[in-house]
C-alpha atoms as a PDB file:
ATOM      1  CA  MET A   1     104.060 100.847  99.338  1.00  0.00           C
ATOM      2  CA  GLN A   2     101.474 101.317 101.785  1.00  0.00           C
ATOM      3  CA  TYR A   3      98.125 100.113 102.770  1.00  0.00           C
ATOM      4  CA  HIS A   4      96.663 102.242 106.493  1.00  0.00           C
ATOM      5  CA  GLY A   5      99.699 103.361 107.564  1.00  0.00           C
ATOM      6  CA  LEU A   6     101.428 100.625 107.116  1.00  0.00           C
ATOM      7  CA  ARG A   7     104.109  99.482 104.370  1.00  0.00           C
ATOM      8  CA  LEU A   8     105.924  96.723 103.370  1.00  0.00           C
ATOM      9  CA  ASN A   9     109.673  96.258 104.128  1.00  0.00           C
ATOM     10  CA  PRO A  10     110.961  97.125  99.500  1.00  0.00           C
ATOM     11  CA  LEU A  11     113.114  93.610 100.667  1.00  0.00           C
ATOM     12  CA  LEU A  12     109.199  91.719 100.319  1.00  0.00           C
ATOM     13  CA  ALA A  13     107.100  94.185  97.901  1.00  0.00           C
ATOM     14  CA  SER A  14     106.690  93.411  94.311  1.00  0.00           C
ATOM     15  CA  SER A  15     106.393  95.889  91.769  1.00  0.00           C
ATOM     16  CA  PRO A  16     102.986  98.521  91.639  1.00  0.00           C
ATOM     17  CA  ILE A  17     100.339  96.600  89.377  1.00  0.00           C
ATOM     18  CA  GLY A  18     100.599  97.936  85.488  1.00  0.00           C
ATOM     19  CA  THR A  19     104.265  99.280  85.899  1.00  0.00           C
ATOM     20  CA  THR A  20     105.755  98.169  82.878  1.00  0.00           C
ATOM     21  CA  HIS A  21     109.883  98.750  83.569  1.00  0.00           C
ATOM     22  CA  PHE A  22     109.639  98.237  87.222  1.00  0.00           C
ATOM     23  CA  PRO A  23     113.016  96.782  89.549  1.00  0.00           C
ATOM     24  CA  PRO A  24     111.718  93.326  90.193  1.00  0.00           C
ATOM     25  CA  VAL A  25     111.697  92.292  93.971  1.00  0.00           C
ATOM     26  CA  PRO A  26     115.672  92.715  95.949  1.00  0.00           C
ATOM     27  CA  ILE A  27     114.468  88.641  96.807  1.00  0.00           C
ATOM     28  CA  GLU A  28     115.956  86.590  94.120  1.00  0.00           C
ATOM     29  CA  TRP A  29     114.494  83.096  95.850  1.00  0.00           C
ATOM     30  CA  ASP A  30     113.005  79.752  94.570  1.00  0.00           C
ATOM     31  CA  ILE A  31     110.859  78.927  97.846  1.00  0.00           C
ATOM     32  CA  ARG A  32     112.131  74.563  96.990  1.00  0.00           C
ATOM     33  CA  HIS A  33     115.070  75.754  98.778  1.00  0.00           C
ATOM     34  CA  ALA A  34     115.863  77.745 102.161  1.00  0.00           C
ATOM     35  CA  PRO A  35     115.469  80.574 102.359  1.00  0.00           C
ATOM     36  CA  ASN A  36     118.428  80.872 105.168  1.00  0.00           C
ATOM     37  CA  ARG A  37     121.179  79.293 102.230  1.00  0.00           C
ATOM     38  CA  ALA A  38     118.620  80.180  98.874  1.00  0.00           C
ATOM     39  CA  ALA A  39     117.563  83.174  98.908  1.00  0.00           C
ATOM     40  CA  LEU A  40     120.329  86.050  96.964  1.00  0.00           C
ATOM     41  CA  VAL A  41     120.034  90.086  97.372  1.00  0.00           C
ATOM     42  CA  ALA A  42     122.339  91.681  95.193  1.00  0.00           C
ATOM     43  CA  GLY A  43     123.754  88.124  94.500  1.00  0.00           C
ATOM     44  CA  GLN A  44     124.584  87.397  97.480  1.00  0.00           C
ATOM     45  CA  VAL A  45     122.833  84.941 100.360  1.00  0.00           C
ATOM     46  CA  VAL A  46     120.877  87.561 102.305  1.00  0.00           C
ATOM     47  CA  SER A  47     122.422  88.881 105.307  1.00  0.00           C
ATOM     48  CA  ALA A  48     121.270  88.165 109.121  1.00  0.00           C
ATOM     49  CA  HIS A  49     120.349  91.897 108.918  1.00  0.00           C
ATOM     50  CA  HIS A  50     118.272  91.321 106.241  1.00  0.00           C
ATOM     51  CA  ARG A  51     116.757  88.864 107.746  1.00  0.00           C
ATOM     52  CA  ALA A  52     116.081  90.581 111.165  1.00  0.00           C
ATOM     53  CA  GLN A  53     114.859  93.686 109.136  1.00  0.00           C
ATOM     54  CA  PRO A  54     110.444  94.322 110.528  1.00  0.00           C
ATOM     55  CA  ALA A  55     108.455  93.147 107.512  1.00  0.00           C
ATOM     56  CA  THR A  56     106.156  96.266 107.784  1.00  0.00           C
ATOM     57  CA  PHE A  57     106.630  99.753 108.925  1.00  0.00           C
ATOM     58  CA  PRO A  58     105.693  99.912 111.537  1.00  0.00           C
ATOM     59  CA  GLY A  59     106.054  95.870 112.319  1.00  0.00           C
ATOM     60  CA  VAL A  60     102.588  93.978 113.006  1.00  0.00           C
ATOM     61  CA  GLU A  61     102.695  90.485 115.309  1.00  0.00           C
ATOM     62  CA  THR A  62     101.226  88.381 112.768  1.00  0.00           C
ATOM     63  CA  LEU A  63     101.489  88.282 109.188  1.00  0.00           C
ATOM     64  CA  ARG A  64      99.006  86.312 106.268  1.00  0.00           C
ATOM     65  CA  VAL A  65     100.452  85.658 103.125  1.00  0.00           C
ATOM     66  CA  VAL A  66      98.050  84.107 100.931  1.00  0.00           C
ATOM     67  CA  SER A  67      97.814  84.050  96.757  1.00  0.00           C
ATOM     68  CA  ASP A  68      95.009  82.607  94.018  1.00  0.00           C
ATOM     69  CA  LEU A  69      98.122  79.853  93.871  1.00  0.00           C
ATOM     70  CA  LEU A  70      97.338  78.610  96.707  1.00  0.00           C
ATOM     71  CA  ALA A  71      94.890  76.091  98.250  1.00  0.00           C
ATOM     72  CA  GLY A  72      92.197  78.085 101.027  1.00  0.00           C
ATOM     73  CA  ASN A  73      93.338  75.884 103.342  1.00  0.00           C
ATOM     74  CA  TRP A  74      96.832  75.994 103.110  1.00  0.00           C
ATOM     75  CA  VAL A  75      97.728  78.398 105.210  1.00  0.00           C
ATOM     76  CA  ILE A  76     100.515  80.203 105.918  1.00  0.00           C
ATOM     77  CA  MET A  77     101.212  82.579 108.912  1.00  0.00           C
ATOM     78  CA  ALA A  78     104.180  84.934 110.229  1.00  0.00           C
ATOM     79  CA  HIS A  79     104.409  85.760 114.033  1.00  0.00           C
ATOM     80  CA  ASN A  80     106.522  87.074 116.074  1.00  0.00           C
ATOM     81  CA  PRO A  81     105.075  89.025 119.353  1.00  0.00           C
ATOM     82  CA  THR A  82     108.430  91.368 119.187  1.00  0.00           C
ATOM     83  CA  GLY A  83     107.228  92.401 114.823  1.00  0.00           C
ATOM     84  CA  VAL A  84     107.179  89.741 111.902  1.00  0.00           C
ATOM     85  CA  THR A  85     110.737  89.475 110.454  1.00  0.00           C
ATOM     86  CA  VAL A  86     111.710  89.572 106.971  1.00  0.00           C
ATOM     87  CA  GLU A  87     113.381  85.835 107.777  1.00  0.00           C
ATOM     88  CA  ASP A  88     109.629  85.422 109.463  1.00  0.00           C
ATOM     89  CA  VAL A  89     107.589  85.661 106.427  1.00  0.00           C
ATOM     90  CA  LEU A  90     110.008  83.404 103.992  1.00  0.00           C
ATOM     91  CA  THR A  91     110.366  80.968 107.060  1.00  0.00           C
ATOM     92  CA  ALA A  92     106.773  80.473 107.195  1.00  0.00           C
ATOM     93  CA  ILE A  93     106.299  80.589 103.474  1.00  0.00           C
ATOM     94  CA  TYR A  94     108.614  78.162 102.999  1.00  0.00           C
ATOM     95  CA  THR A  95     107.601  75.769 106.122  1.00  0.00           C
ATOM     96  CA  GLY A  96     103.926  76.276 104.698  1.00  0.00           C
ATOM     97  CA  LEU A  97     104.856  74.387 101.772  1.00  0.00           C
ATOM     98  CA  HIS A  98     106.897  72.264 102.463  1.00  0.00           C
ATOM     99  CA  ALA A  99     104.369  70.267 104.322  1.00  0.00           C
ATOM    100  CA  PRO A 100     102.890  66.933 103.326  1.00  0.00           C
ATOM    101  CA  LEU A 101     100.083  67.080 100.717  1.00  0.00           C
ATOM    102  CA  THR A 102      97.184  64.942 102.593  1.00  0.00           C
ATOM    103  CA  GLN A 103      95.466  62.161 101.756  1.00  0.00           C
ATOM    104  CA  LEU A 104      92.264  64.185 101.087  1.00  0.00           C
ATOM    105  CA  GLU A 105      94.212  67.762  99.486  1.00  0.00           C
ATOM    106  CA  TRP A 106      95.541  64.562  96.847  1.00  0.00           C
ATOM    107  CA  GLU A 107      92.272  62.996  96.865  1.00  0.00           C
ATOM    108  CA  CYS A 108      90.590  66.986  95.828  1.00  0.00           C
ATOM    109  CA  VAL A 109      93.378  66.999  92.603  1.00  0.00           C
ATOM    110  CA  SER A 110      91.690  65.870  89.093  1.00  0.00           C
ATOM    111  CA  PRO A 111      93.528  63.285  87.382  1.00  0.00           C
ATOM    112  CA  MET A 112      95.715  65.310  84.938  1.00  0.00           C
ATOM    113  CA  GLN A 113      96.904  67.466  87.654  1.00  0.00           C
ATOM    114  CA  ARG A 114      98.678  64.542  89.264  1.00  0.00           C
ATOM    115  CA  ASN A 115     100.108  62.985  87.041  1.00  0.00           C
ATOM    116  CA  ARG A 116     101.822  66.808  86.964  1.00  0.00           C
ATOM    117  CA  ILE A 117     102.395  66.826  90.497  1.00  0.00           C
ATOM    118  CA  GLU A 118     103.860  62.962  90.034  1.00  0.00           C
ATOM    119  CA  GLU A 119     106.414  64.139  87.501  1.00  0.00           C
ATOM    120  CA  VAL A 120     107.617  67.578  90.171  1.00  0.00           C
ATOM    121  CA  PHE A 121     107.777  64.985  92.773  1.00  0.00           C
ATOM    122  CA  TYR A 122     109.711  62.657  91.134  1.00  0.00           C
ATOM    123  CA  ALA A 123     112.128  65.617  89.543  1.00  0.00           C
ATOM    124  CA  ARG A 124     112.160  67.045  93.493  1.00  0.00           C
ATOM    125  CA  CYS A 125     113.413  62.968  94.773  1.00  0.00           C
ATOM    126  CA  GLU A 126     115.811  62.750  91.013  1.00  0.00           C
ATOM    127  CA  ALA A 127     117.433  65.444  92.016  1.00  0.00           C
ATOM    128  CA  SER A 128     117.500  65.231  96.088  1.00  0.00           C
ATOM    129  CA  ARG A 129     120.564  63.790  97.966  1.00  0.00           C
ATOM    130  CA  ASP A 130     118.644  60.924  99.056  1.00  0.00           C
ATOM    131  CA  PHE A 131     115.975  59.964  96.667  1.00  0.00           C
ATOM    132  CA  ASP A 132     114.047  56.847  98.396  1.00  0.00           C
ATOM    133  CA  ARG A 133     113.764  59.567 101.839  1.00  0.00           C
ATOM    134  CA  THR A 134     112.571  62.305 100.023  1.00  0.00           C
ATOM    135  CA  ARG A 135     110.029  59.561  97.643  1.00  0.00           C
ATOM    136  CA  HIS A 136     109.308  59.143 102.028  1.00  0.00           C
ATOM    137  CA  GLY A 137     108.678  61.952 102.773  1.00  0.00           C
ATOM    138  CA  GLY A 138     105.389  62.244  99.868  1.00  0.00           C
ATOM    139  CA  VAL A 139     104.261  64.711  97.666  1.00  0.00           C
ATOM    140  CA  ARG A 140     104.794  67.865  99.282  1.00  0.00           C
ATOM    141  CA  ARG A 141     102.328  71.373  98.723  1.00  0.00           C
ATOM    142  CA  MET A 142     105.142  72.745  96.211  1.00  0.00           C
ATOM    143  CA  ASP A 143     105.286  70.047  94.446  1.00  0.00           C
ATOM    144  CA  CYS A 144     101.107  71.229  93.422  1.00  0.00           C
ATOM    145  CA  LEU A 145     102.696  74.592  91.924  1.00  0.00           C
ATOM    146  CA  LEU A 146     104.653  72.695  89.474  1.00  0.00           C
ATOM    147  CA  HIS A 147     107.145  74.880  88.595  1.00  0.00           C
ATOM    148  CA  THR A 148     105.594  78.273  89.960  1.00  0.00           C
ATOM    149  CA  THR A 149     108.357  78.309  91.887  1.00  0.00           C
ATOM    150  CA  VAL A 150     110.238  81.846  91.996  1.00  0.00           C
ATOM    151  CA  PHE A 151     109.179  84.548  94.822  1.00  0.00           C
ATOM    152  CA  ALA A 152     108.325  87.424  92.954  1.00  0.00           C
ATOM    153  CA  GLY A 153     107.452  88.795  95.483  1.00  0.00           C
ATOM    154  CA  LEU A 154     103.963  90.478  98.404  1.00  0.00           C
ATOM    155  CA  SER A 155     102.118  93.229  97.361  1.00  0.00           C
ATOM    156  CA  SER A 156      98.194  94.658  98.724  1.00  0.00           C
ATOM    157  CA  LEU A 157      98.980  94.988 102.158  1.00  0.00           C
ATOM    158  CA  VAL A 158      95.527  94.748 103.520  1.00  0.00           C
ATOM    159  CA  PHE A 159      93.721  94.484 107.636  1.00  0.00           C
ATOM    160  CA  ARG A 160      90.300  91.880 106.758  1.00  0.00           C
ATOM    161  CA  ASN A 161      89.207  89.296 109.335  1.00  0.00           C
ATOM    162  CA  ASN A 162      90.984  91.415 111.925  1.00  0.00           C
ATOM    163  CA  ARG A 163      94.708  90.679 110.629  1.00  0.00           C
ATOM    164  CA  TRP A 164      97.146  92.237 108.390  1.00  0.00           C
ATOM    165  CA  GLU A 165      96.953  90.268 104.961  1.00  0.00           C
ATOM    166  CA  VAL A 166      99.247  90.357 102.219  1.00  0.00           C
ATOM    167  CA  VAL A 167      99.224  88.849  98.984  1.00  0.00           C
ATOM    168  CA  MET A 168     102.536  86.623  97.812  1.00  0.00           C
ATOM    169  CA  THR A 169     103.394  86.229  93.826  1.00  0.00           C
ATOM    170  CA  LEU A 170     105.531  83.864  92.406  1.00  0.00           C
ATOM    171  CA  SER A 171     106.435  82.903  89.057  1.00  0.00           C
ATOM    172  CA  ARG A 172     108.079  79.931  86.601  1.00  0.00           C
ATOM    173  CA  ASP A 173     111.566  78.888  87.225  1.00  0.00           C
ATOM    174  CA  PHE A 174     111.946  78.416  83.341  1.00  0.00           C
ATOM    175  CA  SER A 175     115.215  76.894  83.997  1.00  0.00           C
ATOM    176  CA  ALA A 176     113.905  73.450  85.329  1.00  0.00           C
ATOM    177  CA  PRO A 177     115.445  70.562  83.480  1.00  0.00           C
ATOM    178  CA  GLY A 178     111.702  68.460  81.974  1.00  0.00           C
ATOM    179  CA  ARG A 179     109.512  71.722  83.095  1.00  0.00           C
ATOM    180  CA  VAL A 180     105.989  70.644  81.876  1.00  0.00           C
ATOM    181  CA  ARG A 181     104.232  73.392  79.880  1.00  0.00           C
ATOM    182  CA  SER A 182     100.885  74.387  79.996  1.00  0.00           C
END
């Protein structure tokens, strides 16, 4: 995928829009889990070789990740003065979505949506090794995504507002126990 002479690394690139029989993004990853242990390529944990690859060709120092699923103030920015790598992008996504939800962000959520987020949050607490520690850590931004937590790639690489931006696509985790249907 190429825009303005810049290409996304195929490990991160999502299927082009409108394609029906296109292979899924090579990286299989549920953003609820740390990418260095949970992201897979061809069924194997992403190797150091894969993680060290440039996120774009040629490389860029900063890459902003945006998505319609994220609140506008949830900034996910991968930065590396020697060139953003696959690992930088995955780490930025993980870190950005694991940030605690602020009180103001919580107050902006409708009561119905709060109930759904709380269900996901308490399911995460129950699944953790330490229920109390997880509960005391509070609701995370990823909880607001409900079950739309499977990385489905990056697309639409554009230069906007003096920086490179890329759109992240997430898909539903249909294996999630007690998944809330919408």
